Amino acid sequence: MTQASASPDTTPDAAVDPFAAMNSLRSALDQAGIVLPSLAVDPGAPTLGLIDLGRVRASVALRLAEAIQKGDAAA
């Protein structure tokens, strides 16, 4: 399977390893000081490769939004 770092615009969903994608996301979140405690591969639909982000407190959602916005500014 393709690494999680493949471009999301060109890689078919079926070719992305959901476990690698989850670990890549967890690592990026860790670098931003953000923890999503429920982050996991969704076992209910293994063929879809869904990642369950879970629920977070409002303060974590704001920090996540800020981290994404900072990333957009760097691009």
PDB file of N, CA and C in Angstrom:
ATOM      1  N   MET A   1       0.827  -1.189   0.000  1.00  0.00           N
ATOM      2  CA  MET A   1       0.000   0.000   0.000  1.00  0.00           C
ATOM      3  C   MET A   1       0.867   1.246   0.000  1.00  0.00           C
ATOM      4  N   THR A   2       0.279   2.330  -0.432  1.00  0.00           N
ATOM      5  CA  THR A   2       0.972   3.604  -0.527  1.00  0.00           C
ATOM      6  C   THR A   2       1.163   4.215   0.852  1.00  0.00           C
ATOM      7  N   GLN A   3       2.261   4.913   1.055  1.00  0.00           N
ATOM      8  CA  GLN A   3       2.524   5.600   2.310  1.00  0.00           C
ATOM      9  C   GLN A   3       1.476   6.678   2.541  1.00  0.00           C
ATOM     10  N   ALA A   4       1.256   7.030   3.795  1.00  0.00           N
ATOM     11  CA  ALA A   4       0.272   8.045   4.152  1.00  0.00           C
ATOM     12  C   ALA A   4       0.684   9.422   3.669  1.00  0.00           C
ATOM     13  N   SER A   5       1.956   9.627   3.375  1.00  0.00           N
ATOM     14  CA  SER A   5       2.426  10.941   2.964  1.00  0.00           C
ATOM     15  C   SER A   5       2.144  11.238   1.494  1.00  0.00           C
ATOM     16  N   ALA A   6       1.532  10.290   0.777  1.00  0.00           N
ATOM     17  CA  ALA A   6       1.213  10.529  -0.624  1.00  0.00           C
ATOM     18  C   ALA A   6       0.228  11.689  -0.730  1.00  0.00           C
ATOM     19  N   SER A   7       0.271  12.363  -1.849  1.00  0.00           N
ATOM     20  CA  SER A   7      -0.608  13.511  -2.042  1.00  0.00           C
ATOM     21  C   SER A   7      -2.056  13.079  -2.018  1.00  0.00           C
ATOM     22  N   PRO A   8      -2.881  13.701  -1.167  1.00  0.00           N
ATOM     23  CA  PRO A   8      -4.283  13.312  -1.093  1.00  0.00           C
ATOM     24  C   PRO A   8      -5.047  13.632  -2.369  1.00  0.00           C
ATOM     25  N   ASP A   9      -4.512  14.495  -3.198  1.00  0.00           N
ATOM     26  CA  ASP A   9      -5.193  14.857  -4.430  1.00  0.00           C
ATOM     27  C   ASP A   9      -4.995  13.823  -5.529  1.00  0.00           C
ATOM     28  N   THR A  10      -3.944  13.015  -5.440  1.00  0.00           N
ATOM     29  CA  THR A  10      -3.646  12.088  -6.519  1.00  0.00           C
ATOM     30  C   THR A  10      -3.710  10.622  -6.122  1.00  0.00           C
ATOM     31  N   THR A  11      -3.803  10.320  -4.831  1.00  0.00           N
ATOM     32  CA  THR A  11      -3.810   8.938  -4.372  1.00  0.00           C
ATOM     33  C   THR A  11      -5.237   8.476  -4.116  1.00  0.00           C
ATOM     34  N   PRO A  12      -5.662   7.381  -4.778  1.00  0.00           N
ATOM     35  CA  PRO A  12      -7.007   6.869  -4.500  1.00  0.00           C
ATOM     36  C   PRO A  12      -7.119   6.450  -3.036  1.00  0.00           C
ATOM     37  N   ASP A  13      -8.285   6.668  -2.435  1.00  0.00           N
ATOM     38  CA  ASP A  13      -8.487   6.320  -1.029  1.00  0.00           C
ATOM     39  C   ASP A  13      -8.125   4.877  -0.731  1.00  0.00           C
ATOM     40  N   ALA A  14      -8.429   3.971  -1.633  1.00  0.00           N
ATOM     41  CA  ALA A  14      -8.168   2.558  -1.399  1.00  0.00           C
ATOM     42  C   ALA A  14      -6.677   2.248  -1.318  1.00  0.00           C
ATOM     43  N   ALA A  15      -5.831   3.131  -1.851  1.00  0.00           N
ATOM     44  CA  ALA A  15      -4.397   2.888  -1.866  1.00  0.00           C
ATOM     45  C   ALA A  15      -3.699   3.412  -0.617  1.00  0.00           C
ATOM     46  N   VAL A  16      -4.417   4.113   0.248  1.00  0.00           N
ATOM     47  CA  VAL A  16      -3.817   4.704   1.436  1.00  0.00           C
ATOM     48  C   VAL A  16      -4.033   3.776   2.631  1.00  0.00           C
ATOM     49  N   ASP A  17      -2.959   3.416   3.291  1.00  0.00           N
ATOM     50  CA  ASP A  17      -3.036   2.575   4.485  1.00  0.00           C
ATOM     51  C   ASP A  17      -3.601   3.419   5.623  1.00  0.00           C
ATOM     52  N   PRO A  18      -4.785   3.086   6.143  1.00  0.00           N
ATOM     53  CA  PRO A  18      -5.384   3.915   7.180  1.00  0.00           C
ATOM     54  C   PRO A  18      -4.560   3.966   8.465  1.00  0.00           C
ATOM     55  N   PHE A  19      -3.853   2.907   8.784  1.00  0.00           N
ATOM     56  CA  PHE A  19      -3.017   2.908   9.991  1.00  0.00           C
ATOM     57  C   PHE A  19      -1.826   3.842   9.828  1.00  0.00           C
ATOM     58  N   ALA A  20      -1.225   3.845   8.640  1.00  0.00           N
ATOM     59  CA  ALA A  20      -0.119   4.764   8.376  1.00  0.00           C
ATOM     60  C   ALA A  20      -0.622   6.206   8.380  1.00  0.00           C
ATOM     61  N   ALA A  21      -1.800   6.436   7.817  1.00  0.00           N
ATOM     62  CA  ALA A  21      -2.374   7.780   7.803  1.00  0.00           C
ATOM     63  C   ALA A  21      -2.659   8.253   9.222  1.00  0.00           C
ATOM     64  N   MET A  22      -3.216   7.380  10.049  1.00  0.00           N
ATOM     65  CA  MET A  22      -3.515   7.730  11.434  1.00  0.00           C
ATOM     66  C   MET A  22      -2.229   8.062  12.189  1.00  0.00           C
ATOM     67  N   ASN A  23      -1.212   7.255  12.021  1.00  0.00           N
ATOM     68  CA  ASN A  23       0.063   7.502  12.708  1.00  0.00           C
ATOM     69  C   ASN A  23       0.718   8.792  12.220  1.00  0.00           C
ATOM     70  N   SER A  24       0.602   9.076  10.935  1.00  0.00           N
ATOM     71  CA  SER A  24       1.148  10.316  10.386  1.00  0.00           C
ATOM     72  C   SER A  24       0.413  11.524  10.977  1.00  0.00           C
ATOM     73  N   LEU A  25      -0.908  11.431  11.063  1.00  0.00           N
ATOM     74  CA  LEU A  25      -1.694  12.509  11.652  1.00  0.00           C
ATOM     75  C   LEU A  25      -1.365  12.681  13.127  1.00  0.00           C
ATOM     76  N   ARG A  26      -1.268  11.578  13.863  1.00  0.00           N
ATOM     77  CA  ARG A  26      -0.940  11.652  15.292  1.00  0.00           C
ATOM     78  C   ARG A  26       0.418  12.321  15.494  1.00  0.00           C
ATOM     79  N   SER A  27       1.388  11.990  14.658  1.00  0.00           N
ATOM     80  CA  SER A  27       2.716  12.589  14.763  1.00  0.00           C
ATOM     81  C   SER A  27       2.666  14.091  14.502  1.00  0.00           C
ATOM     82  N   ALA A  28       1.944  14.494  13.466  1.00  0.00           N
ATOM     83  CA  ALA A  28       1.820  15.920  13.147  1.00  0.00           C
ATOM     84  C   ALA A  28       1.109  16.665  14.269  1.00  0.00           C
ATOM     85  N   LEU A  29       0.075  16.065  14.829  1.00  0.00           N
ATOM     86  CA  LEU A  29      -0.641  16.687  15.938  1.00  0.00           C
ATOM     87  C   LEU A  29       0.261  16.806  17.163  1.00  0.00           C
ATOM     88  N   ASP A  30       1.042  15.768  17.423  1.00  0.00           N
ATOM     89  CA  ASP A  30       1.982  15.809  18.553  1.00  0.00           C
ATOM     90  C   ASP A  30       2.956  16.974  18.400  1.00  0.00           C
ATOM     91  N   GLN A  31       3.455  17.190  17.190  1.00  0.00           N
ATOM     92  CA  GLN A  31       4.389  18.292  16.941  1.00  0.00           C
ATOM     93  C   GLN A  31       3.738  19.642  17.195  1.00  0.00           C
ATOM     94  N   ALA A  32       2.410  19.694  17.019  1.00  0.00           N
ATOM     95  CA  ALA A  32       1.678  20.945  17.262  1.00  0.00           C
ATOM     96  C   ALA A  32       1.173  21.020  18.699  1.00  0.00           C
ATOM     97  N   GLY A  33       1.492  19.991  19.508  1.00  0.00           N
ATOM     98  CA  GLY A  33       1.057  19.984  20.903  1.00  0.00           C
ATOM     99  C   GLY A  33      -0.417  19.683  21.074  1.00  0.00           C
ATOM    100  N   ILE A  34      -0.983  18.963  20.119  1.00  0.00           N
ATOM    101  CA  ILE A  34      -2.409  18.643  20.142  1.00  0.00           C
ATOM    102  C   ILE A  34      -2.596  17.146  20.271  1.00  0.00           C
ATOM    103  N   VAL A  35      -3.490  16.746  21.176  1.00  0.00           N
ATOM    104  CA  VAL A  35      -3.790  15.322  21.372  1.00  0.00           C
ATOM    105  C   VAL A  35      -5.265  15.086  21.075  1.00  0.00           C
ATOM    106  N   LEU A  36      -5.537  14.158  20.189  1.00  0.00           N
ATOM    107  CA  LEU A  36      -6.899  13.684  19.957  1.00  0.00           C
ATOM    108  C   LEU A  36      -6.977  12.298  20.587  1.00  0.00           C
ATOM    109  N   PRO A  37      -7.517  12.201  21.805  1.00  0.00           N
ATOM    110  CA  PRO A  37      -7.462  10.944  22.545  1.00  0.00           C
ATOM    111  C   PRO A  37      -8.177   9.780  21.875  1.00  0.00           C
ATOM    112  N   SER A  38      -9.169  10.061  21.055  1.00  0.00           N
ATOM    113  CA  SER A  38      -9.944   8.985  20.426  1.00  0.00           C
ATOM    114  C   SER A  38      -9.481   8.669  19.007  1.00  0.00           C
ATOM    115  N   LEU A  39      -8.380   9.254  18.578  1.00  0.00           N
ATOM    116  CA  LEU A  39      -7.893   9.037  17.218  1.00  0.00           C
ATOM    117  C   LEU A  39      -7.640   7.553  16.989  1.00  0.00           C
ATOM    118  N   ALA A  40      -8.314   6.998  15.975  1.00  0.00           N
ATOM    119  CA  ALA A  40      -8.186   5.556  15.696  1.00  0.00           C
ATOM    120  C   ALA A  40      -8.703   5.252  14.294  1.00  0.00           C
ATOM    121  N   VAL A  41      -8.280   4.107  13.775  1.00  0.00           N
ATOM    122  CA  VAL A  41      -8.850   3.612  12.531  1.00  0.00           C
ATOM    123  C   VAL A  41     -10.235   3.073  12.876  1.00  0.00           C
ATOM    124  N   ASP A  42     -11.227   3.436  12.093  1.00  0.00           N
ATOM    125  CA  ASP A  42     -12.605   3.002  12.329  1.00  0.00           C
ATOM    126  C   ASP A  42     -12.751   1.530  11.946  1.00  0.00           C
ATOM    127  N   PRO A  43     -13.007   0.658  12.932  1.00  0.00           N
ATOM    128  CA  PRO A  43     -13.116  -0.766  12.635  1.00  0.00           C
ATOM    129  C   PRO A  43     -14.461  -1.132  11.998  1.00  0.00           C
ATOM    130  N   GLY A  44     -15.419  -0.215  11.994  1.00  0.00           N
ATOM    131  CA  GLY A  44     -16.750  -0.507  11.473  1.00  0.00           C
ATOM    132  C   GLY A  44     -16.830  -0.580   9.963  1.00  0.00           C
ATOM    133  N   ALA A  45     -15.880  -0.020   9.274  1.00  0.00           N
ATOM    134  CA  ALA A  45     -15.903  -0.013   7.814  1.00  0.00           C
ATOM    135  C   ALA A  45     -14.484  -0.176   7.281  1.00  0.00           C
ATOM    136  N   PRO A  46     -13.897  -1.360   7.461  1.00  0.00           N
ATOM    137  CA  PRO A  46     -12.482  -1.544   7.092  1.00  0.00           C
ATOM    138  C   PRO A  46     -12.179  -1.286   5.617  1.00  0.00           C
ATOM    139  N   THR A  47     -13.119  -1.523   4.737  1.00  0.00           N
ATOM    140  CA  THR A  47     -12.854  -1.314   3.310  1.00  0.00           C
ATOM    141  C   THR A  47     -12.848   0.166   2.930  1.00  0.00           C
ATOM    142  N   LEU A  48     -13.414   1.021   3.782  1.00  0.00           N
ATOM    143  CA  LEU A  48     -13.438   2.450   3.486  1.00  0.00           C
ATOM    144  C   LEU A  48     -12.191   3.184   3.961  1.00  0.00           C
ATOM    145  N   GLY A  49     -11.435   2.591   4.881  1.00  0.00           N
ATOM    146  CA  GLY A  49     -10.221   3.232   5.384  1.00  0.00           C
ATOM    147  C   GLY A  49     -10.501   4.525   6.126  1.00  0.00           C
ATOM    148  N   LEU A  50     -11.531   4.536   6.958  1.00  0.00           N
ATOM    149  CA  LEU A  50     -11.901   5.750   7.683  1.00  0.00           C
ATOM    150  C   LEU A  50     -11.085   5.906   8.953  1.00  0.00           C
ATOM    151  N   ILE A  51     -10.760   7.158   9.265  1.00  0.00           N
ATOM    152  CA  ILE A  51     -10.063   7.493  10.506  1.00  0.00           C
ATOM    153  C   ILE A  51     -11.059   8.226  11.396  1.00  0.00           C
ATOM    154  N   ASP A  52     -11.249   7.721  12.593  1.00  0.00           N
ATOM    155  CA  ASP A  52     -12.148   8.342  13.561  1.00  0.00           C
ATOM    156  C   ASP A  52     -11.355   9.367  14.357  1.00  0.00           C
ATOM    157  N   LEU A  53     -11.714  10.638  14.220  1.00  0.00           N
ATOM    158  CA  LEU A  53     -11.006  11.699  14.924  1.00  0.00           C
ATOM    159  C   LEU A  53     -11.538  11.883  16.337  1.00  0.00           C
ATOM    160  N   GLY A  54     -12.720  11.379  16.609  1.00  0.00           N
ATOM    161  CA  GLY A  54     -13.296  11.467  17.944  1.00  0.00           C
ATOM    162  C   GLY A  54     -13.798  12.861  18.268  1.00  0.00           C
ATOM    163  N   ARG A  55     -14.111  13.041  19.541  1.00  0.00           N
ATOM    164  CA  ARG A  55     -14.603  14.341  20.005  1.00  0.00           C
ATOM    165  C   ARG A  55     -13.510  15.010  20.826  1.00  0.00           C
ATOM    166  N   VAL A  56     -13.515  16.343  20.789  1.00  0.00           N
ATOM    167  CA  VAL A  56     -12.524  17.110  21.540  1.00  0.00           C
ATOM    168  C   VAL A  56     -13.202  18.286  22.229  1.00  0.00           C
ATOM    169  N   ARG A  57     -12.541  18.797  23.257  1.00  0.00           N
ATOM    170  CA  ARG A  57     -13.012  20.009  23.920  1.00  0.00           C
ATOM    171  C   ARG A  57     -12.879  21.182  22.950  1.00  0.00           C
ATOM    172  N   ALA A  58     -13.671  22.220  23.207  1.00  0.00           N
ATOM    173  CA  ALA A  58     -13.649  23.408  22.341  1.00  0.00           C
ATOM    174  C   ALA A  58     -12.256  24.025  22.280  1.00  0.00           C
ATOM    175  N   SER A  59     -11.540  24.009  23.405  1.00  0.00           N
ATOM    176  CA  SER A  59     -10.194  24.601  23.415  1.00  0.00           C
ATOM    177  C   SER A  59      -9.240  23.832  22.498  1.00  0.00           C
ATOM    178  N   VAL A  60      -9.404  22.520  22.428  1.00  0.00           N
ATOM    179  CA  VAL A  60      -8.555  21.719  21.535  1.00  0.00           C
ATOM    180  C   VAL A  60      -8.929  21.996  20.081  1.00  0.00           C
ATOM    181  N   ALA A  61     -10.210  22.155  19.808  1.00  0.00           N
ATOM    182  CA  ALA A  61     -10.650  22.468  18.449  1.00  0.00           C
ATOM    183  C   ALA A  61     -10.056  23.800  17.985  1.00  0.00           C
ATOM    184  N   LEU A  62     -10.014  24.780  18.887  1.00  0.00           N
ATOM    185  CA  LEU A  62      -9.413  26.073  18.530  1.00  0.00           C
ATOM    186  C   LEU A  62      -7.922  25.934  18.252  1.00  0.00           C
ATOM    187  N   ARG A  63      -7.220  25.155  19.080  1.00  0.00           N
ATOM    188  CA  ARG A  63      -5.781  24.954  18.852  1.00  0.00           C
ATOM    189  C   ARG A  63      -5.545  24.229  17.543  1.00  0.00           C
ATOM    190  N   LEU A  64      -6.395  23.282  17.214  1.00  0.00           N
ATOM    191  CA  LEU A  64      -6.278  22.555  15.956  1.00  0.00           C
ATOM    192  C   LEU A  64      -6.499  23.515  14.779  1.00  0.00           C
ATOM    193  N   ALA A  65      -7.506  24.356  14.877  1.00  0.00           N
ATOM    194  CA  ALA A  65      -7.774  25.345  13.817  1.00  0.00           C
ATOM    195  C   ALA A  65      -6.595  26.289  13.638  1.00  0.00           C
ATOM    196  N   GLU A  66      -6.007  26.742  14.757  1.00  0.00           N
ATOM    197  CA  GLU A  66      -4.849  27.630  14.682  1.00  0.00           C
ATOM    198  C   GLU A  66      -3.668  26.944  14.013  1.00  0.00           C
ATOM    199  N   ALA A  67      -3.447  25.669  14.336  1.00  0.00           N
ATOM    200  CA  ALA A  67      -2.332  24.930  13.727  1.00  0.00           C
ATOM    201  C   ALA A  67      -2.538  24.770  12.238  1.00  0.00           C
ATOM    202  N   ILE A  68      -3.770  24.519  11.822  1.00  0.00           N
ATOM    203  CA  ILE A  68      -4.054  24.374  10.391  1.00  0.00           C
ATOM    204  C   ILE A  68      -3.859  25.715   9.688  1.00  0.00           C
ATOM    205  N   GLN A  69      -4.325  26.788  10.298  1.00  0.00           N
ATOM    206  CA  GLN A  69      -4.175  28.110   9.695  1.00  0.00           C
ATOM    207  C   GLN A  69      -2.707  28.491   9.571  1.00  0.00           C
ATOM    208  N   LYS A  70      -1.901  28.175  10.552  1.00  0.00           N
ATOM    209  CA  LYS A  70      -0.462  28.454  10.481  1.00  0.00           C
ATOM    210  C   LYS A  70       0.159  27.676   9.334  1.00  0.00           C
ATOM    211  N   GLY A  71      -0.283  26.433   9.144  1.00  0.00           N
ATOM    212  CA  GLY A  71       0.225  25.608   8.044  1.00  0.00           C
ATOM    213  C   GLY A  71      -0.134  26.196   6.702  1.00  0.00           C
ATOM    214  N   ASP A  72      -1.339  26.746   6.574  1.00  0.00           N
ATOM    215  CA  ASP A  72      -1.757  27.375   5.322  1.00  0.00           C
ATOM    216  C   ASP A  72      -0.911  28.606   5.034  1.00  0.00           C
ATOM    217  N   ALA A  73      -0.554  29.352   6.053  1.00  0.00           N
ATOM    218  CA  ALA A  73       0.255  30.557   5.872  1.00  0.00           C
ATOM    219  C   ALA A  73       1.663  30.224   5.418  1.00  0.00           C
ATOM    220  N   ALA A  74       2.157  29.043   5.817  1.00  0.00           N
ATOM    221  CA  ALA A  74       3.512  28.640   5.457  1.00  0.00           C
ATOM    222  C   ALA A  74       3.592  28.122   4.034  1.00  0.00           C
ATOM    223  N   ALA A  75       2.465  27.758   3.457  1.00  0.00           N
ATOM    224  CA  ALA A  75       2.456  27.165   2.101  1.00  0.00           C
ATOM    225  C   ALA A  75       2.665  28.198   1.027  1.00  0.00           C
TER     226      ALA A  75
END
